Amino acid sequence: MEERRKSKNVEYKYKDLNRNIKIKCNAAKEEWINQQCQEIEQKLNIDSKFMHAKIKDVSGKNIKCSSPGWIKSKDKTMLMGKNEILNRWSDDCLEIRKRTQLQDIVDFVAKQKWKWAGHVARLKDNRWTLRVTEWQPRNGKRSRGRQARRWRDDIVKKKGNTWCRDARDRNEWRRDAEGYILQWMDRAS
């Protein structure tokens, strides 16, 4: 098949190779069908359940596609692996975003959250946004199970517990935004 792909520019050679491949494929298919029919005939009176399953296989009524399909790569080779196909799709999505100038929603949300965290940390007065962000509930026994994720947990994971102090330096906070966004993108995928 690879030879056929390479000789696509030479028309007579391509047609000849294509015809030979089709002949070989049809011969292999016919051989397989004959083999299946022999198995069916052997089990005819012994195992009717097996016989009916084989008939469905041979007739093609029991076919379920397990692969997501074949897609061509940018260099025109066939991609058959699931990961190869997913990488090709993600490349296409990035290209579409560039052309249409659309922004990835996960990227956008991460940027906005980082900006808002910096804004809240730089507040000078005692507004409710700052109080709610720093609030630690201490009203008795905590409920069973894993602790609920808080809004600031992602930021603490990236910058540590001193993130409020670090956010007061606006330039450094903006430089750290890219690392936070990449961390968020990894979590989303």
C-alpha atoms as a PDB file:
ATOM      1  CA  MET A   1       0.000   0.000   0.000  1.00  0.00           C
ATOM      2  CA  GLU A   2       2.885   2.330   0.774  1.00  0.00           C
ATOM      3  CA  GLU A   3       4.316   1.691  -2.681  1.00  0.00           C
ATOM      4  CA  ARG A   4       0.941   2.538  -4.219  1.00  0.00           C
ATOM      5  CA  ARG A   5       0.829   5.816  -2.282  1.00  0.00           C
ATOM      6  CA  LYS A   6       4.321   6.783  -3.452  1.00  0.00           C
ATOM      7  CA  SER A   7       3.528   6.047  -7.099  1.00  0.00           C
ATOM      8  CA  LYS A   8       0.384   8.153  -7.156  1.00  0.00           C
ATOM      9  CA  ASN A   9       1.987  10.642  -9.573  1.00  0.00           C
ATOM     10  CA  VAL A  10       2.642   7.945 -12.206  1.00  0.00           C
ATOM     11  CA  GLU A  11      -0.882   7.107 -13.329  1.00  0.00           C
ATOM     12  CA  TYR A  12      -0.375   3.745 -15.122  1.00  0.00           C
ATOM     13  CA  LYS A  13       1.808   2.364 -12.303  1.00  0.00           C
ATOM     14  CA  TYR A  14      -0.688   3.489  -9.667  1.00  0.00           C
ATOM     15  CA  LYS A  15      -3.625   1.853 -11.479  1.00  0.00           C
ATOM     16  CA  ASP A  16      -1.679  -1.395 -11.920  1.00  0.00           C
ATOM     17  CA  LEU A  17      -0.691  -1.520  -8.232  1.00  0.00           C
ATOM     18  CA  ASN A  18      -4.225  -0.620  -7.177  1.00  0.00           C
ATOM     19  CA  ARG A  19      -5.689  -3.449  -9.310  1.00  0.00           C
ATOM     20  CA  ASN A  20      -3.189  -5.964  -7.848  1.00  0.00           C
ATOM     21  CA  ILE A  21      -4.045  -4.899  -4.288  1.00  0.00           C
ATOM     22  CA  LYS A  22      -7.777  -5.271  -4.960  1.00  0.00           C
ATOM     23  CA  ILE A  23      -7.251  -8.749  -6.444  1.00  0.00           C
ATOM     24  CA  LYS A  24      -5.214  -9.842  -3.403  1.00  0.00           C
ATOM     25  CA  CYS A  25      -7.779  -8.383  -0.986  1.00  0.00           C
ATOM     26  CA  ASN A  26     -10.677 -10.133  -2.745  1.00  0.00           C
ATOM     27  CA  ALA A  27      -8.777 -13.446  -2.751  1.00  0.00           C
ATOM     28  CA  ALA A  28      -8.004 -13.124   0.970  1.00  0.00           C
ATOM     29  CA  LYS A  29     -11.643 -12.254   1.703  1.00  0.00           C
ATOM     30  CA  GLU A  30     -12.916 -15.237  -0.257  1.00  0.00           C
ATOM     31  CA  GLU A  31     -10.467 -17.542   1.515  1.00  0.00           C
ATOM     32  CA  TRP A  32     -11.617 -16.219   4.894  1.00  0.00           C
ATOM     33  CA  ILE A  33     -15.300 -16.729   3.979  1.00  0.00           C
ATOM     34  CA  ASN A  34     -14.614 -20.302   2.840  1.00  0.00           C
ATOM     35  CA  GLN A  35     -12.794 -20.995   6.104  1.00  0.00           C
ATOM     36  CA  GLN A  36     -15.714 -19.615   8.134  1.00  0.00           C
ATOM     37  CA  CYS A  37     -18.214 -21.659   6.114  1.00  0.00           C
ATOM     38  CA  GLN A  38     -16.233 -24.845   6.795  1.00  0.00           C
ATOM     39  CA  GLU A  39     -16.344 -24.068  10.555  1.00  0.00           C
ATOM     40  CA  ILE A  40     -20.108 -23.519  10.330  1.00  0.00           C
ATOM     41  CA  GLU A  41     -20.633 -26.812   8.516  1.00  0.00           C
ATOM     42  CA  GLN A  42     -18.570 -28.677  11.133  1.00  0.00           C
ATOM     43  CA  LYS A  43     -20.662 -27.245  14.006  1.00  0.00           C
ATOM     44  CA  LEU A  44     -23.993 -27.535  12.133  1.00  0.00           C
ATOM     45  CA  ASN A  45     -25.579 -30.186  14.355  1.00  0.00           C
ATOM     46  CA  ILE A  46     -23.385 -29.693  17.443  1.00  0.00           C
ATOM     47  CA  ASP A  47     -23.605 -26.051  18.518  1.00  0.00           C
ATOM     48  CA  SER A  48     -26.371 -23.944  16.962  1.00  0.00           C
ATOM     49  CA  LYS A  49     -25.510 -20.841  19.029  1.00  0.00           C
ATOM     50  CA  PHE A  50     -21.946 -20.839  17.638  1.00  0.00           C
ATOM     51  CA  MET A  51     -23.298 -21.439  14.143  1.00  0.00           C
ATOM     52  CA  HIS A  52     -25.644 -18.416  14.280  1.00  0.00           C
ATOM     53  CA  ALA A  53     -22.882 -16.187  15.678  1.00  0.00           C
ATOM     54  CA  LYS A  54     -20.540 -17.226  12.846  1.00  0.00           C
ATOM     55  CA  ILE A  55     -23.231 -16.570  10.236  1.00  0.00           C
ATOM     56  CA  LYS A  56     -23.673 -13.043  11.615  1.00  0.00           C
ATOM     57  CA  ASP A  57     -19.912 -12.501  11.469  1.00  0.00           C
ATOM     58  CA  VAL A  58     -19.638 -13.709   7.895  1.00  0.00           C
ATOM     59  CA  SER A  59     -22.686 -11.793   6.667  1.00  0.00           C
ATOM     60  CA  GLY A  60     -21.401  -8.576   8.251  1.00  0.00           C
ATOM     61  CA  LYS A  61     -24.466  -7.951  10.426  1.00  0.00           C
ATOM     62  CA  ASN A  62     -22.481  -8.251  13.644  1.00  0.00           C
ATOM     63  CA  ILE A  63     -19.775  -5.710  12.774  1.00  0.00           C
ATOM     64  CA  LYS A  64     -19.058  -3.029  15.335  1.00  0.00           C
ATOM     65  CA  CYS A  65     -16.403  -0.459  14.586  1.00  0.00           C
ATOM     66  CA  SER A  66     -13.974  -0.249  17.493  1.00  0.00           C
ATOM     67  CA  SER A  67     -11.628   2.327  16.035  1.00  0.00           C
ATOM     68  CA  PRO A  68     -12.591   5.979  15.649  1.00  0.00           C
ATOM     69  CA  GLY A  69     -11.748   5.839  11.933  1.00  0.00           C
ATOM     70  CA  TRP A  70      -8.845   6.751   9.733  1.00  0.00           C
ATOM     71  CA  ILE A  71      -7.730  10.277   9.109  1.00  0.00           C
ATOM     72  CA  LYS A  72      -4.913  11.550   6.933  1.00  0.00           C
ATOM     73  CA  SER A  73      -2.048  13.460   8.499  1.00  0.00           C
ATOM     74  CA  LYS A  74      -0.735  16.682   7.032  1.00  0.00           C
ATOM     75  CA  ASP A  75       1.841  14.732   5.013  1.00  0.00           C
ATOM     76  CA  LYS A  76      -1.022  12.605   3.561  1.00  0.00           C
ATOM     77  CA  THR A  77      -0.253   9.349   5.432  1.00  0.00           C
ATOM     78  CA  MET A  78      -3.088   7.431   7.066  1.00  0.00           C
ATOM     79  CA  LEU A  79      -3.413   7.784  10.842  1.00  0.00           C
ATOM     80  CA  MET A  80      -4.830   4.660  12.434  1.00  0.00           C
ATOM     81  CA  GLY A  81      -3.946   5.024  16.128  1.00  0.00           C
ATOM     82  CA  LYS A  82      -6.321   6.719  18.534  1.00  0.00           C
ATOM     83  CA  ASN A  83      -3.629   9.044  19.932  1.00  0.00           C
ATOM     84  CA  GLU A  84      -2.451  10.035  16.454  1.00  0.00           C
ATOM     85  CA  ILE A  85      -6.014  10.925  15.478  1.00  0.00           C
ATOM     86  CA  LEU A  86      -6.584  12.912  18.687  1.00  0.00           C
ATOM     87  CA  ASN A  87      -3.359  14.862  18.117  1.00  0.00           C
ATOM     88  CA  ARG A  88      -4.430  15.612  14.547  1.00  0.00           C
ATOM     89  CA  TRP A  89      -7.840  16.843  15.760  1.00  0.00           C
ATOM     90  CA  SER A  90      -6.275  19.068  18.421  1.00  0.00           C
ATOM     91  CA  ASP A  91      -3.935  20.553  15.776  1.00  0.00           C
ATOM     92  CA  ASP A  92      -6.934  21.249  13.549  1.00  0.00           C
ATOM     93  CA  CYS A  93      -8.813  22.864  16.444  1.00  0.00           C
ATOM     94  CA  LEU A  94      -5.850  25.127  17.197  1.00  0.00           C
ATOM     95  CA  GLU A  95      -5.637  26.119  13.552  1.00  0.00           C
ATOM     96  CA  ILE A  96      -9.373  26.935  13.469  1.00  0.00           C
ATOM     97  CA  ARG A  97      -9.018  29.022  16.643  1.00  0.00           C
ATOM     98  CA  LYS A  98      -6.162  30.974  15.062  1.00  0.00           C
ATOM     99  CA  ARG A  99      -8.119  31.641  11.875  1.00  0.00           C
ATOM    100  CA  THR A 100     -11.333  32.633  13.650  1.00  0.00           C
ATOM    101  CA  GLN A 101      -9.504  34.350  16.517  1.00  0.00           C
ATOM    102  CA  LEU A 102     -11.530  32.409  19.071  1.00  0.00           C
ATOM    103  CA  GLN A 103     -10.057  31.836  22.509  1.00  0.00           C
ATOM    104  CA  ASP A 104     -10.083  28.500  24.326  1.00  0.00           C
ATOM    105  CA  ILE A 105     -12.622  28.668  27.163  1.00  0.00           C
ATOM    106  CA  VAL A 106     -10.335  26.944  29.681  1.00  0.00           C
ATOM    107  CA  ASP A 107      -7.556  29.400  28.859  1.00  0.00           C
ATOM    108  CA  PHE A 108      -9.943  32.337  29.172  1.00  0.00           C
ATOM    109  CA  VAL A 109     -11.362  31.202  32.533  1.00  0.00           C
ATOM    110  CA  ALA A 110      -7.877  30.600  33.944  1.00  0.00           C
ATOM    111  CA  LYS A 111      -6.709  34.085  32.894  1.00  0.00           C
ATOM    112  CA  GLN A 112      -9.776  35.746  34.376  1.00  0.00           C
ATOM    113  CA  LYS A 113      -9.451  33.824  37.652  1.00  0.00           C
ATOM    114  CA  TRP A 114      -5.775  34.776  37.951  1.00  0.00           C
ATOM    115  CA  LYS A 115      -6.574  38.448  37.250  1.00  0.00           C
ATOM    116  CA  TRP A 116      -9.416  38.448  39.785  1.00  0.00           C
ATOM    117  CA  ALA A 117      -7.217  36.831  42.444  1.00  0.00           C
ATOM    118  CA  GLY A 118      -4.614  39.571  41.939  1.00  0.00           C
ATOM    119  CA  HIS A 119      -7.306  42.242  42.116  1.00  0.00           C
ATOM    120  CA  VAL A 120      -8.780  40.825  45.327  1.00  0.00           C
ATOM    121  CA  ALA A 121      -5.351  40.499  46.950  1.00  0.00           C
ATOM    122  CA  ARG A 122      -4.537  44.156  46.195  1.00  0.00           C
ATOM    123  CA  LEU A 123      -7.716  45.502  47.821  1.00  0.00           C
ATOM    124  CA  LYS A 124      -6.802  47.911  50.621  1.00  0.00           C
ATOM    125  CA  ASP A 125     -10.104  48.227  52.475  1.00  0.00           C
ATOM    126  CA  ASN A 126     -11.995  45.425  54.208  1.00  0.00           C
ATOM    127  CA  ARG A 127     -14.499  44.559  51.464  1.00  0.00           C
ATOM    128  CA  TRP A 128     -16.521  41.358  51.521  1.00  0.00           C
ATOM    129  CA  THR A 129     -14.637  39.885  48.538  1.00  0.00           C
ATOM    130  CA  LEU A 130     -11.374  39.878  50.484  1.00  0.00           C
ATOM    131  CA  ARG A 131     -13.085  38.646  53.676  1.00  0.00           C
ATOM    132  CA  VAL A 132     -14.796  35.748  51.868  1.00  0.00           C
ATOM    133  CA  THR A 133     -11.550  34.745  50.138  1.00  0.00           C
ATOM    134  CA  GLU A 134      -9.625  34.574  53.411  1.00  0.00           C
ATOM    135  CA  TRP A 135     -12.485  33.157  55.490  1.00  0.00           C
ATOM    136  CA  GLN A 136     -11.857  29.861  57.308  1.00  0.00           C
ATOM    137  CA  PRO A 137     -15.066  28.155  58.540  1.00  0.00           C
ATOM    138  CA  ARG A 138     -14.676  26.974  62.135  1.00  0.00           C
ATOM    139  CA  ASN A 139     -18.124  25.929  63.259  1.00  0.00           C
ATOM    140  CA  GLY A 140     -17.833  22.428  64.670  1.00  0.00           C
ATOM    141  CA  LYS A 141     -17.017  19.085  63.181  1.00  0.00           C
ATOM    142  CA  ARG A 142     -16.334  18.850  59.477  1.00  0.00           C
ATOM    143  CA  SER A 143     -18.455  16.527  57.356  1.00  0.00           C
ATOM    144  CA  ARG A 144     -17.310  13.132  56.116  1.00  0.00           C
ATOM    145  CA  GLY A 145     -15.345  12.668  52.906  1.00  0.00           C
ATOM    146  CA  ARG A 146     -12.795  14.652  51.014  1.00  0.00           C
ATOM    147  CA  GLN A 147     -12.496  18.306  51.766  1.00  0.00           C
ATOM    148  CA  ALA A 148     -14.350  20.498  49.279  1.00  0.00           C
ATOM    149  CA  ARG A 149     -12.215  22.458  46.823  1.00  0.00           C
ATOM    150  CA  ARG A 150     -12.114  26.156  47.501  1.00  0.00           C
ATOM    151  CA  TRP A 151     -11.809  28.912  44.923  1.00  0.00           C
ATOM    152  CA  ARG A 152      -8.270  29.755  46.003  1.00  0.00           C
ATOM    153  CA  ASP A 153      -6.896  26.179  46.123  1.00  0.00           C
ATOM    154  CA  ASP A 154      -5.540  26.358  42.544  1.00  0.00           C
ATOM    155  CA  ILE A 155      -3.781  29.616  43.273  1.00  0.00           C
ATOM    156  CA  VAL A 156      -2.324  28.298  46.539  1.00  0.00           C
ATOM    157  CA  LYS A 157      -1.076  25.239  44.649  1.00  0.00           C
ATOM    158  CA  LYS A 158       0.798  27.466  42.172  1.00  0.00           C
ATOM    159  CA  LYS A 159       2.036  30.285  44.456  1.00  0.00           C
ATOM    160  CA  GLY A 160       1.817  28.846  47.982  1.00  0.00           C
ATOM    161  CA  ASN A 161       0.071  30.280  51.030  1.00  0.00           C
ATOM    162  CA  THR A 162       1.709  33.675  50.506  1.00  0.00           C
ATOM    163  CA  TRP A 163      -0.149  34.324  47.241  1.00  0.00           C
ATOM    164  CA  CYS A 164      -1.940  37.402  48.664  1.00  0.00           C
ATOM    165  CA  ARG A 165       1.382  39.014  49.518  1.00  0.00           C
ATOM    166  CA  ASP A 166       2.905  38.030  46.166  1.00  0.00           C
ATOM    167  CA  ALA A 167      -0.049  39.469  44.229  1.00  0.00           C
ATOM    168  CA  ARG A 168       0.655  42.970  45.513  1.00  0.00           C
ATOM    169  CA  ASP A 169       3.588  43.153  43.080  1.00  0.00           C
ATOM    170  CA  ARG A 170       1.561  43.565  39.895  1.00  0.00           C
ATOM    171  CA  ASN A 171       4.397  42.900  37.407  1.00  0.00           C
ATOM    172  CA  GLU A 172       5.524  39.663  39.057  1.00  0.00           C
ATOM    173  CA  TRP A 173       1.906  38.519  39.326  1.00  0.00           C
ATOM    174  CA  ARG A 174       1.404  39.028  35.572  1.00  0.00           C
ATOM    175  CA  ARG A 175       4.608  37.083  34.799  1.00  0.00           C
ATOM    176  CA  ASP A 176       3.373  34.130  36.884  1.00  0.00           C
ATOM    177  CA  ALA A 177       0.032  34.056  35.043  1.00  0.00           C
ATOM    178  CA  GLU A 178       1.335  31.909  32.156  1.00  0.00           C
ATOM    179  CA  GLY A 179       2.488  29.106  34.478  1.00  0.00           C
ATOM    180  CA  TYR A 180      -0.860  29.129  36.257  1.00  0.00           C
ATOM    181  CA  ILE A 181      -2.763  28.933  32.965  1.00  0.00           C
ATOM    182  CA  LEU A 182      -0.663  25.965  31.792  1.00  0.00           C
ATOM    183  CA  GLN A 183      -1.345  24.213  35.122  1.00  0.00           C
ATOM    184  CA  TRP A 184      -5.070  24.833  34.669  1.00  0.00           C
ATOM    185  CA  MET A 185      -4.989  23.556  31.071  1.00  0.00           C
ATOM    186  CA  ASP A 186      -3.316  20.309  32.229  1.00  0.00           C
ATOM    187  CA  ARG A 187      -5.996  19.834  34.875  1.00  0.00           C
ATOM    188  CA  ALA A 188      -8.790  20.359  32.347  1.00  0.00           C
ATOM    189  CA  SER A 189      -7.513  17.763  29.882  1.00  0.00           C
END
